[in-house]
Amino acid sequence: MLKVTRIYTRPSADIPWHGEVLLTRAVSDRLQYHRNSGSILYENQTISQDGLTLTYTGYFLDQSTFDTYDTDASLQQFWNDRVAYCNMVGITIGPKTLETVSQLPT
């Protein structure tokens, strides 16, 4: 199983997160497709107490299913728009960390 983590940091809690601004029905449906297919086993987003840091954690079946998700042409424009939006409003996108794990969080 592959655990994927990415941290986003915004300069002010008044700035909306990218998902609040950019998420469309088509993108939401495509993300749900990956969840329903069994490639995404678990996802979680947590926001820090001060509201400035969002941590995404996703658990994927394996590296291959993550690679399929990560290169999904239907999601590429959303991810490109996410980077552009974050750059425009000052949200820092941390590196994607990948870790092989043996179980889901409890």
PDB file of N, CA and C in Angstrom:
ATOM      1  N   MET A   1       0.856  -1.167   0.000  1.00  0.00           N
ATOM      2  CA  MET A   1       0.000   0.000   0.000  1.00  0.00           C
ATOM      3  C   MET A   1       0.903   1.230   0.000  1.00  0.00           C
ATOM      4  N   LEU A   2       0.452   2.290  -0.668  1.00  0.00           N
ATOM      5  CA  LEU A   2       1.245   3.509  -0.783  1.00  0.00           C
ATOM      6  C   LEU A   2       0.524   4.666  -0.097  1.00  0.00           C
ATOM      7  N   LYS A   3       1.206   5.305   0.821  1.00  0.00           N
ATOM      8  CA  LYS A   3       0.686   6.483   1.511  1.00  0.00           C
ATOM      9  C   LYS A   3       1.282   7.717   0.832  1.00  0.00           C
ATOM     10  N   VAL A   4       0.407   8.634   0.437  1.00  0.00           N
ATOM     11  CA  VAL A   4       0.815   9.861  -0.236  1.00  0.00           C
ATOM     12  C   VAL A   4       0.397  11.034   0.644  1.00  0.00           C
ATOM     13  N   THR A   5       1.343  11.917   0.911  1.00  0.00           N
ATOM     14  CA  THR A   5       1.062  13.081   1.753  1.00  0.00           C
ATOM     15  C   THR A   5       1.529  14.343   1.037  1.00  0.00           C
ATOM     16  N   ARG A   6       0.732  15.400   1.161  1.00  0.00           N
ATOM     17  CA  ARG A   6       1.129  16.707   0.645  1.00  0.00           C
ATOM     18  C   ARG A   6       0.565  17.764   1.577  1.00  0.00           C
ATOM     19  N   ILE A   7       1.377  18.773   1.862  1.00  0.00           N
ATOM     20  CA  ILE A   7       0.978  19.853   2.773  1.00  0.00           C
ATOM     21  C   ILE A   7       0.891  21.165   2.004  1.00  0.00           C
ATOM     22  N   TYR A   8      -0.206  21.855   2.217  1.00  0.00           N
ATOM     23  CA  TYR A   8      -0.449  23.177   1.632  1.00  0.00           C
ATOM     24  C   TYR A   8      -0.472  24.184   2.775  1.00  0.00           C
ATOM     25  N   THR A   9       0.167  25.335   2.563  1.00  0.00           N
ATOM     26  CA  THR A   9       0.196  26.370   3.597  1.00  0.00           C
ATOM     27  C   THR A   9      -0.219  27.697   2.975  1.00  0.00           C
ATOM     28  N   ARG A  10      -1.215  28.328   3.580  1.00  0.00           N
ATOM     29  CA  ARG A  10      -1.676  29.619   3.059  1.00  0.00           C
ATOM     30  C   ARG A  10      -1.268  30.739   4.014  1.00  0.00           C
ATOM     31  N   PRO A  11      -1.100  31.946   3.480  1.00  0.00           N
ATOM     32  CA  PRO A  11      -0.650  33.060   4.314  1.00  0.00           C
ATOM     33  C   PRO A  11      -1.726  33.624   5.237  1.00  0.00           C
ATOM     34  N   SER A  12      -2.986  33.345   4.921  1.00  0.00           N
ATOM     35  CA  SER A  12      -4.093  33.879   5.716  1.00  0.00           C
ATOM     36  C   SER A  12      -5.281  32.926   5.625  1.00  0.00           C
ATOM     37  N   ALA A  13      -6.007  32.779   6.708  1.00  0.00           N
ATOM     38  CA  ALA A  13      -7.199  31.937   6.705  1.00  0.00           C
ATOM     39  C   ALA A  13      -8.319  32.543   5.858  1.00  0.00           C
ATOM     40  N   ASP A  14      -8.155  33.788   5.434  1.00  0.00           N
ATOM     41  CA  ASP A  14      -9.150  34.432   4.578  1.00  0.00           C
ATOM     42  C   ASP A  14      -9.045  33.975   3.120  1.00  0.00           C
ATOM     43  N   ILE A  15      -7.955  33.331   2.764  1.00  0.00           N
ATOM     44  CA  ILE A  15      -7.754  32.848   1.394  1.00  0.00           C
ATOM     45  C   ILE A  15      -8.359  31.444   1.284  1.00  0.00           C
ATOM     46  N   PRO A  16      -9.302  31.246   0.372  1.00  0.00           N
ATOM     47  CA  PRO A  16      -9.911  29.921   0.234  1.00  0.00           C
ATOM     48  C   PRO A  16      -8.906  28.888  -0.277  1.00  0.00           C
ATOM     49  N   TRP A  17      -9.082  27.652   0.170  1.00  0.00           N
ATOM     50  CA  TRP A  17      -8.278  26.546  -0.360  1.00  0.00           C
ATOM     51  C   TRP A  17      -8.668  26.303  -1.809  1.00  0.00           C
ATOM     52  N   HIS A  18      -7.769  25.713  -2.569  1.00  0.00           N
ATOM     53  CA  HIS A  18      -8.015  25.484  -3.995  1.00  0.00           C
ATOM     54  C   HIS A  18      -9.275  24.658  -4.249  1.00  0.00           C
ATOM     55  N   GLY A  19      -9.555  23.675  -3.423  1.00  0.00           N
ATOM     56  CA  GLY A  19     -10.746  22.846  -3.622  1.00  0.00           C
ATOM     57  C   GLY A  19     -12.039  23.625  -3.475  1.00  0.00           C
ATOM     58  N   GLU A  20     -12.016  24.661  -2.651  1.00  0.00           N
ATOM     59  CA  GLU A  20     -13.206  25.495  -2.447  1.00  0.00           C
ATOM     60  C   GLU A  20     -13.487  26.368  -3.665  1.00  0.00           C
ATOM     61  N   VAL A  21     -12.453  26.613  -4.457  1.00  0.00           N
ATOM     62  CA  VAL A  21     -12.574  27.521  -5.595  1.00  0.00           C
ATOM     63  C   VAL A  21     -12.660  26.768  -6.927  1.00  0.00           C
ATOM     64  N   LEU A  22     -11.902  25.701  -7.059  1.00  0.00           N
ATOM     65  CA  LEU A  22     -11.715  25.069  -8.363  1.00  0.00           C
ATOM     66  C   LEU A  22     -12.479  23.773  -8.603  1.00  0.00           C
ATOM     67  N   LEU A  23     -12.957  23.135  -7.566  1.00  0.00           N
ATOM     68  CA  LEU A  23     -13.556  21.812  -7.715  1.00  0.00           C
ATOM     69  C   LEU A  23     -14.880  21.889  -8.468  1.00  0.00           C
ATOM     70  N   THR A  24     -14.934  21.236  -9.614  1.00  0.00           N
ATOM     71  CA  THR A  24     -16.147  21.186 -10.426  1.00  0.00           C
ATOM     72  C   THR A  24     -16.810  19.819 -10.277  1.00  0.00           C
ATOM     73  N   ARG A  25     -17.991  19.690 -10.780  1.00  0.00           N
ATOM     74  CA  ARG A  25     -18.697  18.414 -10.738  1.00  0.00           C
ATOM     75  C   ARG A  25     -17.924  17.346 -11.511  1.00  0.00           C
ATOM     76  N   ALA A  26     -17.385  17.728 -12.673  1.00  0.00           N
ATOM     77  CA  ALA A  26     -16.639  16.768 -13.501  1.00  0.00           C
ATOM     78  C   ALA A  26     -15.402  16.259 -12.763  1.00  0.00           C
ATOM     79  N   VAL A  27     -14.678  17.145 -12.103  1.00  0.00           N
ATOM     80  CA  VAL A  27     -13.485  16.741 -11.345  1.00  0.00           C
ATOM     81  C   VAL A  27     -13.901  15.879 -10.162  1.00  0.00           C
ATOM     82  N   SER A  28     -14.934  16.294  -9.467  1.00  0.00           N
ATOM     83  CA  SER A  28     -15.425  15.533  -8.326  1.00  0.00           C
ATOM     84  C   SER A  28     -15.838  14.119  -8.748  1.00  0.00           C
ATOM     85  N   ASP A  29     -16.520  14.016  -9.879  1.00  0.00           N
ATOM     86  CA  ASP A  29     -16.934  12.706 -10.394  1.00  0.00           C
ATOM     87  C   ASP A  29     -15.724  11.842 -10.748  1.00  0.00           C
ATOM     88  N   ARG A  30     -14.699  12.451 -11.327  1.00  0.00           N
ATOM     89  CA  ARG A  30     -13.515  11.688 -11.706  1.00  0.00           C
ATOM     90  C   ARG A  30     -12.756  11.207 -10.474  1.00  0.00           C
ATOM     91  N   LEU A  31     -12.660  12.047  -9.455  1.00  0.00           N
ATOM     92  CA  LEU A  31     -12.033  11.632  -8.200  1.00  0.00           C
ATOM     93  C   LEU A  31     -12.821  10.481  -7.577  1.00  0.00           C
ATOM     94  N   GLN A  32     -14.142  10.577  -7.636  1.00  0.00           N
ATOM     95  CA  GLN A  32     -14.983   9.506  -7.098  1.00  0.00           C
ATOM     96  C   GLN A  32     -14.794   8.214  -7.880  1.00  0.00           C
ATOM     97  N   TYR A  33     -14.578   8.325  -9.170  1.00  0.00           N
ATOM     98  CA  TYR A  33     -14.290   7.141  -9.991  1.00  0.00           C
ATOM     99  C   TYR A  33     -13.075   6.390  -9.442  1.00  0.00           C
ATOM    100  N   HIS A  34     -12.016   7.131  -9.105  1.00  0.00           N
ATOM    101  CA  HIS A  34     -10.814   6.492  -8.569  1.00  0.00           C
ATOM    102  C   HIS A  34     -11.083   5.866  -7.196  1.00  0.00           C
ATOM    103  N   ARG A  35     -11.900   6.516  -6.395  1.00  0.00           N
ATOM    104  CA  ARG A  35     -12.265   5.938  -5.093  1.00  0.00           C
ATOM    105  C   ARG A  35     -13.069   4.649  -5.287  1.00  0.00           C
ATOM    106  N   ASN A  36     -14.043   4.697  -6.175  1.00  0.00           N
ATOM    107  CA  ASN A  36     -14.912   3.541  -6.412  1.00  0.00           C
ATOM    108  C   ASN A  36     -14.173   2.373  -7.056  1.00  0.00           C
ATOM    109  N   SER A  37     -13.126   2.667  -7.802  1.00  0.00           N
ATOM    110  CA  SER A  37     -12.379   1.606  -8.490  1.00  0.00           C
ATOM    111  C   SER A  37     -11.511   0.796  -7.530  1.00  0.00           C
ATOM    112  N   GLY A  38     -11.334   1.313  -6.323  1.00  0.00           N
ATOM    113  CA  GLY A  38     -10.513   0.613  -5.341  1.00  0.00           C
ATOM    114  C   GLY A  38      -9.053   1.011  -5.354  1.00  0.00           C
ATOM    115  N   SER A  39      -8.682   1.935  -6.232  1.00  0.00           N
ATOM    116  CA  SER A  39      -7.276   2.355  -6.247  1.00  0.00           C
ATOM    117  C   SER A  39      -6.984   3.311  -5.095  1.00  0.00           C
ATOM    118  N   ILE A  40      -7.963   4.142  -4.723  1.00  0.00           N
ATOM    119  CA  ILE A  40      -7.824   4.989  -3.532  1.00  0.00           C
ATOM    120  C   ILE A  40      -8.554   4.276  -2.405  1.00  0.00           C
ATOM    121  N   LEU A  41      -7.818   3.858  -1.400  1.00  0.00           N
ATOM    122  CA  LEU A  41      -8.396   3.097  -0.294  1.00  0.00           C
ATOM    123  C   LEU A  41      -8.902   3.992   0.824  1.00  0.00           C
ATOM    124  N   TYR A  42      -8.252   5.141   0.991  1.00  0.00           N
ATOM    125  CA  TYR A  42      -8.606   6.048   2.098  1.00  0.00           C
ATOM    126  C   TYR A  42      -8.010   7.410   1.778  1.00  0.00           C
ATOM    127  N   GLU A  43      -8.759   8.462   2.082  1.00  0.00           N
ATOM    128  CA  GLU A  43      -8.254   9.824   1.944  1.00  0.00           C
ATOM    129  C   GLU A  43      -8.680  10.643   3.152  1.00  0.00           C
ATOM    130  N   ASN A  44      -7.853  11.609   3.480  1.00  0.00           N
ATOM    131  CA  ASN A  44      -8.180  12.500   4.587  1.00  0.00           C
ATOM    132  C   ASN A  44      -7.525  13.853   4.331  1.00  0.00           C
ATOM    133  N   GLN A  45      -8.245  14.897   4.681  1.00  0.00           N
ATOM    134  CA  GLN A  45      -7.678  16.241   4.668  1.00  0.00           C
ATOM    135  C   GLN A  45      -7.890  16.827   6.050  1.00  0.00           C
ATOM    136  N   THR A  46      -6.815  17.308   6.640  1.00  0.00           N
ATOM    137  CA  THR A  46      -6.928  17.954   7.948  1.00  0.00           C
ATOM    138  C   THR A  46      -6.423  19.380   7.826  1.00  0.00           C
ATOM    139  N   ILE A  47      -7.055  20.247   8.557  1.00  0.00           N
ATOM    140  CA  ILE A  47      -6.654  21.660   8.592  1.00  0.00           C
ATOM    141  C   ILE A  47      -6.164  21.963   9.994  1.00  0.00           C
ATOM    142  N   SER A  48      -5.038  22.636  10.065  1.00  0.00           N
ATOM    143  CA  SER A  48      -4.443  22.969  11.358  1.00  0.00           C
ATOM    144  C   SER A  48      -5.373  23.868  12.164  1.00  0.00           C
ATOM    145  N   GLN A  49      -5.106  23.929  13.446  1.00  0.00           N
ATOM    146  CA  GLN A  49      -5.954  24.711  14.347  1.00  0.00           C
ATOM    147  C   GLN A  49      -6.014  26.184  13.958  1.00  0.00           C
ATOM    148  N   ASP A  50      -4.892  26.730  13.457  1.00  0.00           N
ATOM    149  CA  ASP A  50      -4.889  28.138  13.044  1.00  0.00           C
ATOM    150  C   ASP A  50      -5.468  28.341  11.647  1.00  0.00           C
ATOM    151  N   GLY A  51      -5.822  27.247  10.955  1.00  0.00           N
ATOM    152  CA  GLY A  51      -6.449  27.330   9.648  1.00  0.00           C
ATOM    153  C   GLY A  51      -5.502  27.591   8.496  1.00  0.00           C
ATOM    154  N   LEU A  52      -4.203  27.576   8.751  1.00  0.00           N
ATOM    155  CA  LEU A  52      -3.247  27.949   7.711  1.00  0.00           C
ATOM    156  C   LEU A  52      -2.635  26.765   6.963  1.00  0.00           C
ATOM    157  N   THR A  53      -2.760  25.579   7.501  1.00  0.00           N
ATOM    158  CA  THR A  53      -2.131  24.414   6.884  1.00  0.00           C
ATOM    159  C   THR A  53      -3.165  23.324   6.620  1.00  0.00           C
ATOM    160  N   LEU A  54      -3.183  22.840   5.384  1.00  0.00           N
ATOM    161  CA  LEU A  54      -4.029  21.723   5.004  1.00  0.00           C
ATOM    162  C   LEU A  54      -3.100  20.558   4.666  1.00  0.00           C
ATOM    163  N   THR A  55      -3.345  19.422   5.287  1.00  0.00           N
ATOM    164  CA  THR A  55      -2.554  18.223   5.011  1.00  0.00           C
ATOM    165  C   THR A  55      -3.450  17.199   4.341  1.00  0.00           C
ATOM    166  N   TYR A  56      -3.076  16.813   3.117  1.00  0.00           N
ATOM    167  CA  TYR A  56      -3.775  15.756   2.393  1.00  0.00           C
ATOM    168  C   TYR A  56      -3.015  14.454   2.610  1.00  0.00           C
ATOM    169  N   THR A  57      -3.746  13.399   2.949  1.00  0.00           N
ATOM    170  CA  THR A  57      -3.169  12.065   3.048  1.00  0.00           C
ATOM    171  C   THR A  57      -4.067  11.113   2.273  1.00  0.00           C
ATOM    172  N   GLY A  58      -3.472  10.382   1.346  1.00  0.00           N
ATOM    173  CA  GLY A  58      -4.201   9.392   0.567  1.00  0.00           C
ATOM    174  C   GLY A  58      -3.488   8.059   0.614  1.00  0.00           C
ATOM    175  N   TYR A  59      -4.253   7.000   0.677  1.00  0.00           N
ATOM    176  CA  TYR A  59      -3.702   5.642   0.667  1.00  0.00           C
ATOM    177  C   TYR A  59      -4.168   4.966  -0.617  1.00  0.00           C
ATOM    178  N   PHE A  60      -3.204   4.520  -1.398  1.00  0.00           N
ATOM    179  CA  PHE A  60      -3.468   3.897  -2.682  1.00  0.00           C
ATOM    180  C   PHE A  60      -3.092   2.421  -2.611  1.00  0.00           C
ATOM    181  N   LEU A  61      -3.752   1.629  -3.431  1.00  0.00           N
ATOM    182  CA  LEU A  61      -3.522   0.191  -3.434  1.00  0.00           C
ATOM    183  C   LEU A  61      -2.035  -0.134  -3.598  1.00  0.00           C
ATOM    184  N   ASP A  62      -1.390   0.531  -4.539  1.00  0.00           N
ATOM    185  CA  ASP A  62       0.037   0.312  -4.777  1.00  0.00           C
ATOM    186  C   ASP A  62       0.573   1.438  -5.658  1.00  0.00           C
ATOM    187  N   GLN A  63       1.849   1.371  -5.984  1.00  0.00           N
ATOM    188  CA  GLN A  63       2.479   2.412  -6.793  1.00  0.00           C
ATOM    189  C   GLN A  63       1.830   2.517  -8.172  1.00  0.00           C
ATOM    190  N   SER A  64       1.498   1.378  -8.748  1.00  0.00           N
ATOM    191  CA  SER A  64       0.905   1.367 -10.081  1.00  0.00           C
ATOM    192  C   SER A  64      -0.441   2.089 -10.111  1.00  0.00           C
ATOM    193  N   THR A  65      -1.297   1.827  -9.129  1.00  0.00           N
ATOM    194  CA  THR A  65      -2.601   2.502  -9.106  1.00  0.00           C
ATOM    195  C   THR A  65      -2.437   3.988  -8.815  1.00  0.00           C
ATOM    196  N   PHE A  66      -1.453   4.343  -7.992  1.00  0.00           N
ATOM    197  CA  PHE A  66      -1.199   5.765  -7.768  1.00  0.00           C
ATOM    198  C   PHE A  66      -0.724   6.426  -9.061  1.00  0.00           C
ATOM    199  N   ASP A  67       0.168   5.772  -9.784  1.00  0.00           N
ATOM    200  CA  ASP A  67       0.673   6.334 -11.043  1.00  0.00           C
ATOM    201  C   ASP A  67      -0.458   6.543 -12.042  1.00  0.00           C
ATOM    202  N   THR A  68      -1.393   5.598 -12.102  1.00  0.00           N
ATOM    203  CA  THR A  68      -2.553   5.746 -12.986  1.00  0.00           C
ATOM    204  C   THR A  68      -3.373   6.966 -12.582  1.00  0.00           C
ATOM    205  N   TYR A  69      -3.616   7.124 -11.301  1.00  0.00           N
ATOM    206  CA  TYR A  69      -4.346   8.279 -10.772  1.00  0.00           C
ATOM    207  C   TYR A  69      -3.584   9.577 -11.054  1.00  0.00           C
ATOM    208  N   ASP A  70      -2.288   9.558 -10.763  1.00  0.00           N
ATOM    209  CA  ASP A  70      -1.460  10.762 -10.860  1.00  0.00           C
ATOM    210  C   ASP A  70      -1.275  11.245 -12.295  1.00  0.00           C
ATOM    211  N   THR A  71      -1.488  10.371 -13.264  1.00  0.00           N
ATOM    212  CA  THR A  71      -1.336  10.752 -14.670  1.00  0.00           C
ATOM    213  C   THR A  71      -2.673  10.764 -15.410  1.00  0.00           C
ATOM    214  N   ASP A  72      -3.778  10.722 -14.676  1.00  0.00           N
ATOM    215  CA  ASP A  72      -5.108  10.732 -15.276  1.00  0.00           C
ATOM    216  C   ASP A  72      -5.308  12.033 -16.056  1.00  0.00           C
ATOM    217  N   ALA A  73      -5.445  11.902 -17.352  1.00  0.00           N
ATOM    218  CA  ALA A  73      -5.593  13.080 -18.214  1.00  0.00           C
ATOM    219  C   ALA A  73      -6.822  13.910 -17.857  1.00  0.00           C
ATOM    220  N   SER A  74      -7.855  13.263 -17.322  1.00  0.00           N
ATOM    221  CA  SER A  74      -9.076  13.985 -16.942  1.00  0.00           C
ATOM    222  C   SER A  74      -8.873  14.891 -15.736  1.00  0.00           C
ATOM    223  N   LEU A  75      -7.797  14.666 -14.982  1.00  0.00           N
ATOM    224  CA  LEU A  75      -7.534  15.469 -13.780  1.00  0.00           C
ATOM    225  C   LEU A  75      -6.375  16.455 -13.973  1.00  0.00           C
ATOM    226  N   GLN A  76      -5.636  16.334 -15.054  1.00  0.00           N
ATOM    227  CA  GLN A  76      -4.453  17.168 -15.243  1.00  0.00           C
ATOM    228  C   GLN A  76      -4.764  18.665 -15.253  1.00  0.00           C
ATOM    229  N   GLN A  77      -5.850  19.057 -15.914  1.00  0.00           N
ATOM    230  CA  GLN A  77      -6.183  20.486 -15.959  1.00  0.00           C
ATOM    231  C   GLN A  77      -6.504  21.018 -14.573  1.00  0.00           C
ATOM    232  N   PHE A  78      -7.218  20.224 -13.772  1.00  0.00           N
ATOM    233  CA  PHE A  78      -7.513  20.627 -12.400  1.00  0.00           C
ATOM    234  C   PHE A  78      -6.213  20.820 -11.620  1.00  0.00           C
ATOM    235  N   TRP A  79      -5.282  19.872 -11.748  1.00  0.00           N
ATOM    236  CA  TRP A  79      -4.012  19.998 -11.027  1.00  0.00           C
ATOM    237  C   TRP A  79      -3.190  21.187 -11.525  1.00  0.00           C
ATOM    238  N   ASN A  80      -3.222  21.444 -12.827  1.00  0.00           N
ATOM    239  CA  ASN A  80      -2.526  22.626 -13.364  1.00  0.00           C
ATOM    240  C   ASN A  80      -3.170  23.906 -12.833  1.00  0.00           C
ATOM    241  N   ASP A  81      -4.496  23.931 -12.813  1.00  0.00           N
ATOM    242  CA  ASP A  81      -5.219  25.094 -12.279  1.00  0.00           C
ATOM    243  C   ASP A  81      -4.937  25.268 -10.788  1.00  0.00           C
ATOM    244  N   ARG A  82      -4.808  24.157 -10.062  1.00  0.00           N
ATOM    245  CA  ARG A  82      -4.490  24.214  -8.630  1.00  0.00           C
ATOM    246  C   ARG A  82      -3.151  24.905  -8.412  1.00  0.00           C
ATOM    247  N   VAL A  83      -2.155  24.514  -9.173  1.00  0.00           N
ATOM    248  CA  VAL A  83      -0.826  25.129  -9.039  1.00  0.00           C
ATOM    249  C   VAL A  83      -0.903  26.624  -9.361  1.00  0.00           C
ATOM    250  N   ALA A  84      -1.575  26.981 -10.445  1.00  0.00           N
ATOM    251  CA  ALA A  84      -1.697  28.390 -10.833  1.00  0.00           C
ATOM    252  C   ALA A  84      -2.422  29.196  -9.751  1.00  0.00           C
ATOM    253  N   TYR A  85      -3.529  28.646  -9.239  1.00  0.00           N
ATOM    254  CA  TYR A  85      -4.283  29.340  -8.194  1.00  0.00           C
ATOM    255  C   TYR A  85      -3.432  29.528  -6.943  1.00  0.00           C
ATOM    256  N   CYS A  86      -2.789  28.462  -6.505  1.00  0.00           N
ATOM    257  CA  CYS A  86      -1.958  28.552  -5.297  1.00  0.00           C
ATOM    258  C   CYS A  86      -0.844  29.573  -5.471  1.00  0.00           C
ATOM    259  N   ASN A  87      -0.207  29.584  -6.630  1.00  0.00           N
ATOM    260  CA  ASN A  87       0.837  30.582  -6.891  1.00  0.00           C
ATOM    261  C   ASN A  87       0.267  31.994  -6.855  1.00  0.00           C
ATOM    262  N   MET A  88      -0.916  32.179  -7.408  1.00  0.00           N
ATOM    263  CA  MET A  88      -1.540  33.499  -7.487  1.00  0.00           C
ATOM    264  C   MET A  88      -1.880  34.055  -6.097  1.00  0.00           C
ATOM    265  N   VAL A  89      -2.358  33.188  -5.189  1.00  0.00           N
ATOM    266  CA  VAL A  89      -2.821  33.669  -3.881  1.00  0.00           C
ATOM    267  C   VAL A  89      -1.808  33.436  -2.759  1.00  0.00           C
ATOM    268  N   GLY A  90      -0.659  32.861  -3.083  1.00  0.00           N
ATOM    269  CA  GLY A  90       0.394  32.700  -2.079  1.00  0.00           C
ATOM    270  C   GLY A  90       0.328  31.435  -1.254  1.00  0.00           C
ATOM    271  N   ILE A  91      -0.414  30.426  -1.719  1.00  0.00           N
ATOM    272  CA  ILE A  91      -0.444  29.141  -1.025  1.00  0.00           C
ATOM    273  C   ILE A  91       0.782  28.340  -1.451  1.00  0.00           C
ATOM    274  N   THR A  92       1.531  27.872  -0.489  1.00  0.00           N
ATOM    275  CA  THR A  92       2.709  27.050  -0.758  1.00  0.00           C
ATOM    276  C   THR A  92       2.286  25.595  -0.864  1.00  0.00           C
ATOM    277  N   ILE A  93       2.725  24.943  -1.932  1.00  0.00           N
ATOM    278  CA  ILE A  93       2.445  23.514  -2.119  1.00  0.00           C
ATOM    279  C   ILE A  93       3.719  22.755  -1.766  1.00  0.00           C
ATOM    280  N   GLY A  94       3.644  21.955  -0.724  1.00  0.00           N
ATOM    281  CA  GLY A  94       4.797  21.159  -0.323  1.00  0.00           C
ATOM    282  C   GLY A  94       5.011  19.990  -1.266  1.00  0.00           C
ATOM    283  N   PRO A  95       6.150  19.342  -1.145  1.00  0.00           N
ATOM    284  CA  PRO A  95       6.422  18.190  -2.007  1.00  0.00           C
ATOM    285  C   PRO A  95       5.494  17.023  -1.676  1.00  0.00           C
ATOM    286  N   LYS A  96       5.242  16.207  -2.676  1.00  0.00           N
ATOM    287  CA  LYS A  96       4.470  14.981  -2.498  1.00  0.00           C
ATOM    288  C   LYS A  96       5.408  13.965  -1.856  1.00  0.00           C
ATOM    289  N   THR A  97       5.026  13.397  -0.723  1.00  0.00           N
ATOM    290  CA  THR A  97       5.842  12.347  -0.121  1.00  0.00           C
ATOM    291  C   THR A  97       5.128  11.013  -0.301  1.00  0.00           C
ATOM    292  N   LEU A  98       5.889  10.003  -0.669  1.00  0.00           N
ATOM    293  CA  LEU A  98       5.367   8.667  -0.904  1.00  0.00           C
ATOM    294  C   LEU A  98       6.034   7.715   0.066  1.00  0.00           C
ATOM    295  N   GLU A  99       5.214   6.876   0.699  1.00  0.00           N
ATOM    296  CA  GLU A  99       5.735   5.942   1.695  1.00  0.00           C
ATOM    297  C   GLU A  99       4.971   4.619   1.583  1.00  0.00           C
ATOM    298  N   THR A 100       5.695   3.533   1.503  1.00  0.00           N
ATOM    299  CA  THR A 100       5.059   2.221   1.510  1.00  0.00           C
ATOM    300  C   THR A 100       4.666   1.875   2.935  1.00  0.00           C
ATOM    301  N   VAL A 101       3.401   1.515   3.126  1.00  0.00           N
ATOM    302  CA  VAL A 101       2.886   1.166   4.450  1.00  0.00           C
ATOM    303  C   VAL A 101       2.128  -0.157   4.365  1.00  0.00           C
ATOM    304  N   SER A 102       1.920  -0.783   5.510  1.00  0.00           N
ATOM    305  CA  SER A 102       1.257  -2.088   5.509  1.00  0.00           C
ATOM    306  C   SER A 102      -0.210  -2.043   5.924  1.00  0.00           C
ATOM    307  N   GLN A 103      -0.650  -0.901   6.502  1.00  0.00           N
ATOM    308  CA  GLN A 103      -2.050  -0.848   6.915  1.00  0.00           C
ATOM    309  C   GLN A 103      -2.600   0.575   6.850  1.00  0.00           C
ATOM    310  N   LEU A 104      -3.915   0.647   6.789  1.00  0.00           N
ATOM    311  CA  LEU A 104      -4.609   1.930   6.807  1.00  0.00           C
ATOM    312  C   LEU A 104      -4.617   2.472   8.228  1.00  0.00           C
ATOM    313  N   PRO A 105      -4.805   3.786   8.376  1.00  0.00           N
ATOM    314  CA  PRO A 105      -4.913   4.337   9.736  1.00  0.00           C
ATOM    315  C   PRO A 105      -6.175   3.818  10.421  1.00  0.00           C
ATOM    316  N   THR A 106      -6.111   3.770  11.736  1.00  0.00           N
ATOM    317  CA  THR A 106      -7.275   3.281  12.492  1.00  0.00           C
ATOM    318  C   THR A 106      -8.091   4.433  13.018  1.00  0.00           C
TER     319      THR A 106
END
